Amino acid sequence: MYSSSQGAANKDLGQLLSYSVLDHAKPFFVGNGDAVTLTLNFGTIAPGTNSDPQTFSIGNWISNLGVTAGLDLDQILASGDIGAFTLTLSPFANLASGSALDFSAAFARSQAGRFDAIYDLLFSDENLPGAADLRTLRLELTGSAVPEPSSCALLIVMMFITGAKRRSGAKSYDDSQVSLILIPGCQRDNVYASGFPRLGWRATSLRMMFRSLASIFWMNSR
């Protein structure tokens, strides 16, 4: 058998090969040190309103070897109250070493309560021979929606006092009349007012405030 290749004709033939060895990528939350969990707390908003968005960034480290594989976000596993949050994060590929991508999250809910969601982010090296799955990052979002006193609540209290005064012909103010009034969504001394939704807000401090305001209104109306 005859071969015309140089390798067959010269067993000592040499050929220069060039290749690169890359270190594995490593995902991290920018500004969060080496921690694998980032928590964004949106605090408290009123039901039916939107929170201000909060931003976060995901980066790919710079290896001590000097050359690093690109970073892929392959999958996002979401759990919890994910319907209460909006997130701009989505899978991406080949994020270069030393680079970062910016994302944002926001909280909005029409019902009252506390809401929490967890997003597990699954990463890998870019699609190269020897690519491997990398550490998982976790994004935690939390926020509460709490009803605020209605703007008409004070008017209800004033109307009640005025009506009580007209009916009774009272010459003095009795703050016990005010204690009968509860704002929808609140409770007084662990007793819920009938006909109002049981949202669980304690009304003690609000009741004291309304008593003070009602007393001023009563004195001015004499």
C-alpha atoms as a PDB file:
ATOM      1  CA  MET A   1       0.000   0.000   0.000  1.00  0.00           C
ATOM      2  CA  TYR A   2       1.325   3.370  -0.982  1.00  0.00           C
ATOM      3  CA  SER A   3       0.681   6.670   0.809  1.00  0.00           C
ATOM      4  CA  SER A   4       1.705  10.072  -0.425  1.00  0.00           C
ATOM      5  CA  SER A   5       1.336  11.777   3.013  1.00  0.00           C
ATOM      6  CA  GLN A   6       4.330  13.513   4.526  1.00  0.00           C
ATOM      7  CA  GLY A   7       3.833  11.588   7.743  1.00  0.00           C
ATOM      8  CA  ALA A   8       4.227   8.287   5.913  1.00  0.00           C
ATOM      9  CA  ALA A   9       7.197   9.528   3.929  1.00  0.00           C
ATOM     10  CA  ASN A  10       8.999  11.004   6.931  1.00  0.00           C
ATOM     11  CA  LYS A  11       8.462   9.429  10.317  1.00  0.00           C
ATOM     12  CA  ASP A  12      10.220  12.323  12.025  1.00  0.00           C
ATOM     13  CA  LEU A  13       7.915  14.975  10.586  1.00  0.00           C
ATOM     14  CA  GLY A  14       6.923  17.652  13.160  1.00  0.00           C
ATOM     15  CA  GLN A  15       4.007  20.068  13.072  1.00  0.00           C
ATOM     16  CA  LEU A  16       3.284  23.090  15.278  1.00  0.00           C
ATOM     17  CA  LEU A  17      -0.012  22.918  17.153  1.00  0.00           C
ATOM     18  CA  SER A  18      -1.660  25.883  18.846  1.00  0.00           C
ATOM     19  CA  TYR A  19      -4.491  25.640  21.390  1.00  0.00           C
ATOM     20  CA  SER A  20      -5.914  27.455  24.400  1.00  0.00           C
ATOM     21  CA  VAL A  21      -6.863  26.082  27.783  1.00  0.00           C
ATOM     22  CA  LEU A  22      -9.632  28.068  29.481  1.00  0.00           C
ATOM     23  CA  ASP A  23     -10.513  28.123  33.145  1.00  0.00           C
ATOM     24  CA  HIS A  24     -14.146  27.473  34.035  1.00  0.00           C
ATOM     25  CA  ALA A  25     -16.540  30.405  34.221  1.00  0.00           C
ATOM     26  CA  LYS A  26     -17.852  31.497  37.621  1.00  0.00           C
ATOM     27  CA  PRO A  27     -21.129  33.415  38.099  1.00  0.00           C
ATOM     28  CA  PHE A  28     -21.601  35.976  40.870  1.00  0.00           C
ATOM     29  CA  PHE A  29     -23.925  38.780  41.939  1.00  0.00           C
ATOM     30  CA  VAL A  30     -22.108  42.067  41.408  1.00  0.00           C
ATOM     31  CA  GLY A  31     -21.581  43.922  44.686  1.00  0.00           C
ATOM     32  CA  ASN A  32     -22.579  40.905  46.789  1.00  0.00           C
ATOM     33  CA  GLY A  33     -19.123  39.457  47.412  1.00  0.00           C
ATOM     34  CA  ASP A  34     -18.873  35.719  46.867  1.00  0.00           C
ATOM     35  CA  ALA A  35     -22.323  35.023  48.344  1.00  0.00           C
ATOM     36  CA  VAL A  36     -24.513  32.775  46.227  1.00  0.00           C
ATOM     37  CA  THR A  37     -27.805  34.279  47.506  1.00  0.00           C
ATOM     38  CA  LEU A  38     -29.112  37.789  46.863  1.00  0.00           C
ATOM     39  CA  THR A  39     -32.252  39.056  48.634  1.00  0.00           C
ATOM     40  CA  LEU A  40     -34.246  42.034  47.364  1.00  0.00           C
ATOM     41  CA  ASN A  41     -36.754  43.401  49.889  1.00  0.00           C
ATOM     42  CA  PHE A  42     -39.403  45.712  48.448  1.00  0.00           C
ATOM     43  CA  GLY A  43     -40.761  46.694  51.852  1.00  0.00           C
ATOM     44  CA  THR A  44     -44.443  47.594  52.138  1.00  0.00           C
ATOM     45  CA  ILE A  45     -46.746  48.982  49.479  1.00  0.00           C
ATOM     46  CA  ALA A  46     -50.484  49.596  49.320  1.00  0.00           C
ATOM     47  CA  PRO A  47     -52.497  46.935  47.456  1.00  0.00           C
ATOM     48  CA  GLY A  48     -52.987  47.837  43.816  1.00  0.00           C
ATOM     49  CA  THR A  49     -49.800  49.916  43.604  1.00  0.00           C
ATOM     50  CA  ASN A  50     -46.357  49.161  42.161  1.00  0.00           C
ATOM     51  CA  SER A  51     -43.032  49.291  43.960  1.00  0.00           C
ATOM     52  CA  ASP A  52     -40.018  51.079  42.568  1.00  0.00           C
ATOM     53  CA  PRO A  53     -37.899  48.596  40.599  1.00  0.00           C
ATOM     54  CA  GLN A  54     -34.692  47.296  42.121  1.00  0.00           C
ATOM     55  CA  THR A  55     -31.713  46.463  39.924  1.00  0.00           C
ATOM     56  CA  PHE A  56     -29.099  43.732  40.221  1.00  0.00           C
ATOM     57  CA  SER A  57     -26.252  42.469  38.044  1.00  0.00           C
ATOM     58  CA  ILE A  58     -24.773  39.055  37.248  1.00  0.00           C
ATOM     59  CA  GLY A  59     -21.123  38.829  36.242  1.00  0.00           C
ATOM     60  CA  ASN A  60     -18.495  36.305  35.116  1.00  0.00           C
ATOM     61  CA  TRP A  61     -15.272  36.342  37.105  1.00  0.00           C
ATOM     62  CA  ILE A  62     -11.727  36.922  35.858  1.00  0.00           C
ATOM     63  CA  SER A  63      -9.682  33.800  36.484  1.00  0.00           C
ATOM     64  CA  ASN A  64      -6.141  33.939  37.831  1.00  0.00           C
ATOM     65  CA  LEU A  65      -5.144  31.932  34.765  1.00  0.00           C
ATOM     66  CA  GLY A  66      -5.958  34.934  32.625  1.00  0.00           C
ATOM     67  CA  VAL A  67      -8.319  33.146  30.246  1.00  0.00           C
ATOM     68  CA  THR A  68     -11.856  32.159  31.260  1.00  0.00           C
ATOM     69  CA  ALA A  69     -14.705  30.432  29.477  1.00  0.00           C
ATOM     70  CA  GLY A  70     -17.862  32.368  28.667  1.00  0.00           C
ATOM     71  CA  LEU A  71     -20.807  32.033  31.048  1.00  0.00           C
ATOM     72  CA  ASP A  72     -24.215  30.582  30.116  1.00  0.00           C
ATOM     73  CA  LEU A  73     -27.399  30.989  32.183  1.00  0.00           C
ATOM     74  CA  ASP A  74     -29.199  27.835  31.101  1.00  0.00           C
ATOM     75  CA  GLN A  75     -32.302  27.695  33.283  1.00  0.00           C
ATOM     76  CA  ILE A  76     -34.287  29.634  35.897  1.00  0.00           C
ATOM     77  CA  LEU A  77     -36.275  27.604  38.440  1.00  0.00           C
ATOM     78  CA  ALA A  78     -38.938  29.788  40.059  1.00  0.00           C
ATOM     79  CA  SER A  79     -41.050  28.978  43.114  1.00  0.00           C
ATOM     80  CA  GLY A  80     -43.275  30.777  45.621  1.00  0.00           C
ATOM     81  CA  ASP A  81     -45.403  33.854  44.915  1.00  0.00           C
ATOM     82  CA  ILE A  82     -43.926  34.496  41.479  1.00  0.00           C
ATOM     83  CA  GLY A  83     -47.130  36.205  40.302  1.00  0.00           C
ATOM     84  CA  ALA A  84     -46.447  39.080  42.695  1.00  0.00           C
ATOM     85  CA  PHE A  85     -43.152  40.033  41.041  1.00  0.00           C
ATOM     86  CA  THR A  86     -41.928  41.016  37.605  1.00  0.00           C
ATOM     87  CA  LEU A  87     -38.402  40.112  36.569  1.00  0.00           C
ATOM     88  CA  THR A  88     -36.403  41.072  33.471  1.00  0.00           C
ATOM     89  CA  LEU A  89     -33.958  38.192  33.971  1.00  0.00           C
ATOM     90  CA  SER A  90     -33.855  35.548  31.216  1.00  0.00           C
ATOM     91  CA  PRO A  91     -31.346  32.898  30.027  1.00  0.00           C
ATOM     92  CA  PHE A  92     -28.249  34.171  28.223  1.00  0.00           C
ATOM     93  CA  ALA A  93     -25.125  32.679  26.611  1.00  0.00           C
ATOM     94  CA  ASN A  94     -21.386  33.331  26.442  1.00  0.00           C
ATOM     95  CA  LEU A  95     -21.054  36.210  28.902  1.00  0.00           C
ATOM     96  CA  ALA A  96     -17.378  37.144  28.623  1.00  0.00           C
ATOM     97  CA  SER A  97     -14.976  37.065  31.544  1.00  0.00           C
ATOM     98  CA  GLY A  98     -14.999  40.367  33.425  1.00  0.00           C
ATOM     99  CA  SER A  99     -18.395  41.361  32.006  1.00  0.00           C
ATOM    100  CA  ALA A 100     -21.779  41.722  33.687  1.00  0.00           C
ATOM    101  CA  LEU A 101     -25.429  42.036  32.690  1.00  0.00           C
ATOM    102  CA  ASP A 102     -27.968  44.260  34.450  1.00  0.00           C
ATOM    103  CA  PHE A 103     -31.507  43.191  35.348  1.00  0.00           C
ATOM    104  CA  SER A 104     -34.390  44.546  37.407  1.00  0.00           C
ATOM    105  CA  ALA A 105     -37.255  43.289  39.552  1.00  0.00           C
ATOM    106  CA  ALA A 106     -40.450  44.947  40.822  1.00  0.00           C
ATOM    107  CA  PHE A 107     -43.286  44.089  43.195  1.00  0.00           C
ATOM    108  CA  ALA A 108     -47.012  44.646  42.620  1.00  0.00           C
ATOM    109  CA  ARG A 109     -50.017  42.973  44.246  1.00  0.00           C
ATOM    110  CA  SER A 110     -53.728  43.740  44.461  1.00  0.00           C
ATOM    111  CA  GLN A 111     -54.334  41.630  47.592  1.00  0.00           C
ATOM    112  CA  ALA A 112     -52.998  42.311  51.074  1.00  0.00           C
ATOM    113  CA  GLY A 113     -50.378  40.037  52.586  1.00  0.00           C
ATOM    114  CA  ARG A 114     -46.711  39.097  52.489  1.00  0.00           C
ATOM    115  CA  PHE A 115     -45.271  37.606  49.311  1.00  0.00           C
ATOM    116  CA  ASP A 116     -42.004  35.730  48.719  1.00  0.00           C
ATOM    117  CA  ALA A 117     -40.493  34.198  45.594  1.00  0.00           C
ATOM    118  CA  ILE A 118     -37.281  32.244  44.960  1.00  0.00           C
ATOM    119  CA  TYR A 119     -35.406  31.980  41.665  1.00  0.00           C
ATOM    120  CA  ASP A 120     -32.620  29.375  41.366  1.00  0.00           C
ATOM    121  CA  LEU A 121     -30.266  30.244  38.499  1.00  0.00           C
ATOM    122  CA  LEU A 122     -28.501  27.310  36.803  1.00  0.00           C
ATOM    123  CA  PHE A 123     -25.241  28.110  34.986  1.00  0.00           C
ATOM    124  CA  SER A 124     -22.665  26.333  32.838  1.00  0.00           C
ATOM    125  CA  ASP A 125     -19.575  27.085  30.803  1.00  0.00           C
ATOM    126  CA  GLU A 126     -20.035  28.177  27.218  1.00  0.00           C
ATOM    127  CA  ASN A 127     -20.456  25.314  24.756  1.00  0.00           C
ATOM    128  CA  LEU A 128     -16.867  24.087  24.473  1.00  0.00           C
ATOM    129  CA  PRO A 129     -15.216  20.660  24.942  1.00  0.00           C
ATOM    130  CA  GLY A 130     -14.835  20.168  28.684  1.00  0.00           C
ATOM    131  CA  ALA A 131     -17.669  22.561  29.599  1.00  0.00           C
ATOM    132  CA  ALA A 132     -19.177  21.880  33.007  1.00  0.00           C
ATOM    133  CA  ASP A 133     -22.184  22.815  35.104  1.00  0.00           C
ATOM    134  CA  LEU A 134     -21.343  25.589  37.557  1.00  0.00           C
ATOM    135  CA  ARG A 135     -22.562  26.712  40.956  1.00  0.00           C
ATOM    136  CA  THR A 136     -26.184  27.803  41.338  1.00  0.00           C
ATOM    137  CA  LEU A 137     -27.092  31.331  42.365  1.00  0.00           C
ATOM    138  CA  ARG A 138     -30.327  32.094  44.232  1.00  0.00           C
ATOM    139  CA  LEU A 139     -32.372  35.292  43.951  1.00  0.00           C
ATOM    140  CA  GLU A 140     -34.928  35.885  46.719  1.00  0.00           C
ATOM    141  CA  LEU A 141     -37.668  38.517  46.389  1.00  0.00           C
ATOM    142  CA  THR A 142     -39.929  39.602  49.227  1.00  0.00           C
ATOM    143  CA  GLY A 143     -42.540  42.309  49.750  1.00  0.00           C
ATOM    144  CA  SER A 144     -45.738  43.099  51.654  1.00  0.00           C
ATOM    145  CA  ALA A 145     -49.000  44.725  50.596  1.00  0.00           C
ATOM    146  CA  VAL A 146     -50.819  46.417  53.474  1.00  0.00           C
ATOM    147  CA  PRO A 147     -54.053  48.428  53.117  1.00  0.00           C
ATOM    148  CA  GLU A 148     -53.863  52.096  54.026  1.00  0.00           C
ATOM    149  CA  PRO A 149     -56.668  53.946  55.855  1.00  0.00           C
ATOM    150  CA  SER A 150     -59.232  55.178  53.364  1.00  0.00           C
ATOM    151  CA  SER A 151     -59.364  58.899  52.777  1.00  0.00           C
ATOM    152  CA  CYS A 152     -63.032  58.819  53.724  1.00  0.00           C
ATOM    153  CA  ALA A 153     -62.450  57.123  57.098  1.00  0.00           C
ATOM    154  CA  LEU A 154     -62.125  60.420  58.967  1.00  0.00           C
ATOM    155  CA  LEU A 155     -65.261  61.714  57.292  1.00  0.00           C
ATOM    156  CA  ILE A 156     -67.149  58.645  58.509  1.00  0.00           C
ATOM    157  CA  VAL A 157     -66.005  59.324  62.063  1.00  0.00           C
ATOM    158  CA  MET A 158     -67.057  62.987  61.869  1.00  0.00           C
ATOM    159  CA  MET A 159     -70.455  62.094  60.421  1.00  0.00           C
ATOM    160  CA  PHE A 160     -71.021  59.566  63.173  1.00  0.00           C
ATOM    161  CA  ILE A 161     -70.165  62.062  65.917  1.00  0.00           C
ATOM    162  CA  THR A 162     -72.323  64.779  64.385  1.00  0.00           C
ATOM    163  CA  GLY A 163     -75.253  62.421  64.056  1.00  0.00           C
ATOM    164  CA  ALA A 164     -74.833  61.152  67.608  1.00  0.00           C
ATOM    165  CA  LYS A 165     -74.743  64.707  68.907  1.00  0.00           C
ATOM    166  CA  ARG A 166     -77.911  65.661  67.063  1.00  0.00           C
ATOM    167  CA  ARG A 167     -79.752  62.553  68.249  1.00  0.00           C
ATOM    168  CA  SER A 168     -78.748  62.785  71.885  1.00  0.00           C
ATOM    169  CA  GLY A 169     -78.528  66.558  72.275  1.00  0.00           C
ATOM    170  CA  ALA A 170     -75.379  65.915  74.284  1.00  0.00           C
ATOM    171  CA  LYS A 171     -73.557  68.906  75.733  1.00  0.00           C
ATOM    172  CA  SER A 172     -70.228  67.142  76.155  1.00  0.00           C
ATOM    173  CA  TYR A 173     -68.009  64.908  74.096  1.00  0.00           C
ATOM    174  CA  ASP A 174     -67.894  61.173  74.842  1.00  0.00           C
ATOM    175  CA  ASP A 175     -64.947  59.437  73.203  1.00  0.00           C
ATOM    176  CA  SER A 176     -66.618  56.045  73.628  1.00  0.00           C
ATOM    177  CA  GLN A 177     -68.675  56.935  70.580  1.00  0.00           C
ATOM    178  CA  VAL A 178     -65.536  57.017  68.485  1.00  0.00           C
ATOM    179  CA  SER A 179     -64.425  53.603  69.738  1.00  0.00           C
ATOM    180  CA  LEU A 180     -67.362  52.104  67.888  1.00  0.00           C
ATOM    181  CA  ILE A 181     -65.931  53.123  64.536  1.00  0.00           C
ATOM    182  CA  LEU A 182     -63.428  50.897  62.773  1.00  0.00           C
ATOM    183  CA  ILE A 183     -61.738  51.457  59.446  1.00  0.00           C
ATOM    184  CA  PRO A 184     -62.398  48.714  56.885  1.00  0.00           C
ATOM    185  CA  GLY A 185     -59.480  46.305  56.959  1.00  0.00           C
ATOM    186  CA  CYS A 186     -58.643  47.018  60.632  1.00  0.00           C
ATOM    187  CA  GLN A 187     -59.457  45.437  63.953  1.00  0.00           C
ATOM    188  CA  ARG A 188     -59.857  46.812  67.478  1.00  0.00           C
ATOM    189  CA  ASP A 189     -58.804  44.940  70.621  1.00  0.00           C
ATOM    190  CA  ASN A 190     -58.837  41.616  68.738  1.00  0.00           C
ATOM    191  CA  VAL A 191     -62.553  42.049  67.941  1.00  0.00           C
ATOM    192  CA  TYR A 192     -63.460  42.429  64.285  1.00  0.00           C
ATOM    193  CA  ALA A 193     -66.190  44.819  63.281  1.00  0.00           C
ATOM    194  CA  SER A 194     -69.038  42.976  61.631  1.00  0.00           C
ATOM    195  CA  GLY A 195     -69.427  43.614  57.934  1.00  0.00           C
ATOM    196  CA  PHE A 196     -65.764  44.603  57.438  1.00  0.00           C
ATOM    197  CA  PRO A 197     -63.140  42.366  55.763  1.00  0.00           C
ATOM    198  CA  ARG A 198     -60.821  40.596  58.175  1.00  0.00           C
ATOM    199  CA  LEU A 199     -57.463  41.859  56.976  1.00  0.00           C
ATOM    200  CA  GLY A 200     -55.854  41.866  60.388  1.00  0.00           C
ATOM    201  CA  TRP A 201     -54.666  45.445  60.968  1.00  0.00           C
ATOM    202  CA  ARG A 202     -54.655  46.525  64.633  1.00  0.00           C
ATOM    203  CA  ALA A 203     -56.534  49.775  64.999  1.00  0.00           C
ATOM    204  CA  THR A 204     -55.513  50.827  68.511  1.00  0.00           C
ATOM    205  CA  SER A 205     -53.172  53.639  67.455  1.00  0.00           C
ATOM    206  CA  LEU A 206     -55.542  54.740  64.709  1.00  0.00           C
ATOM    207  CA  ARG A 207     -58.432  54.815  67.151  1.00  0.00           C
ATOM    208  CA  MET A 208     -56.445  57.066  69.477  1.00  0.00           C
ATOM    209  CA  MET A 209     -55.651  59.402  66.605  1.00  0.00           C
ATOM    210  CA  PHE A 210     -59.297  59.562  65.539  1.00  0.00           C
ATOM    211  CA  ARG A 211     -60.399  60.241  69.100  1.00  0.00           C
ATOM    212  CA  SER A 212     -58.079  63.242  69.243  1.00  0.00           C
ATOM    213  CA  LEU A 213     -59.282  64.551  65.904  1.00  0.00           C
ATOM    214  CA  ALA A 214     -62.902  63.908  66.807  1.00  0.00           C
ATOM    215  CA  SER A 215     -62.490  65.781  70.094  1.00  0.00           C
ATOM    216  CA  ILE A 216     -61.162  68.825  68.215  1.00  0.00           C
ATOM    217  CA  PHE A 217     -64.008  68.594  65.700  1.00  0.00           C
ATOM    218  CA  TRP A 218     -66.565  68.302  68.520  1.00  0.00           C
ATOM    219  CA  MET A 219     -65.252  71.351  70.328  1.00  0.00           C
ATOM    220  CA  ASN A 220     -65.200  73.427  67.136  1.00  0.00           C
ATOM    221  CA  SER A 221     -68.740  72.398  66.234  1.00  0.00           C
ATOM    222  CA  ARG A 222     -70.303  73.494  69.557  1.00  0.00           C
END
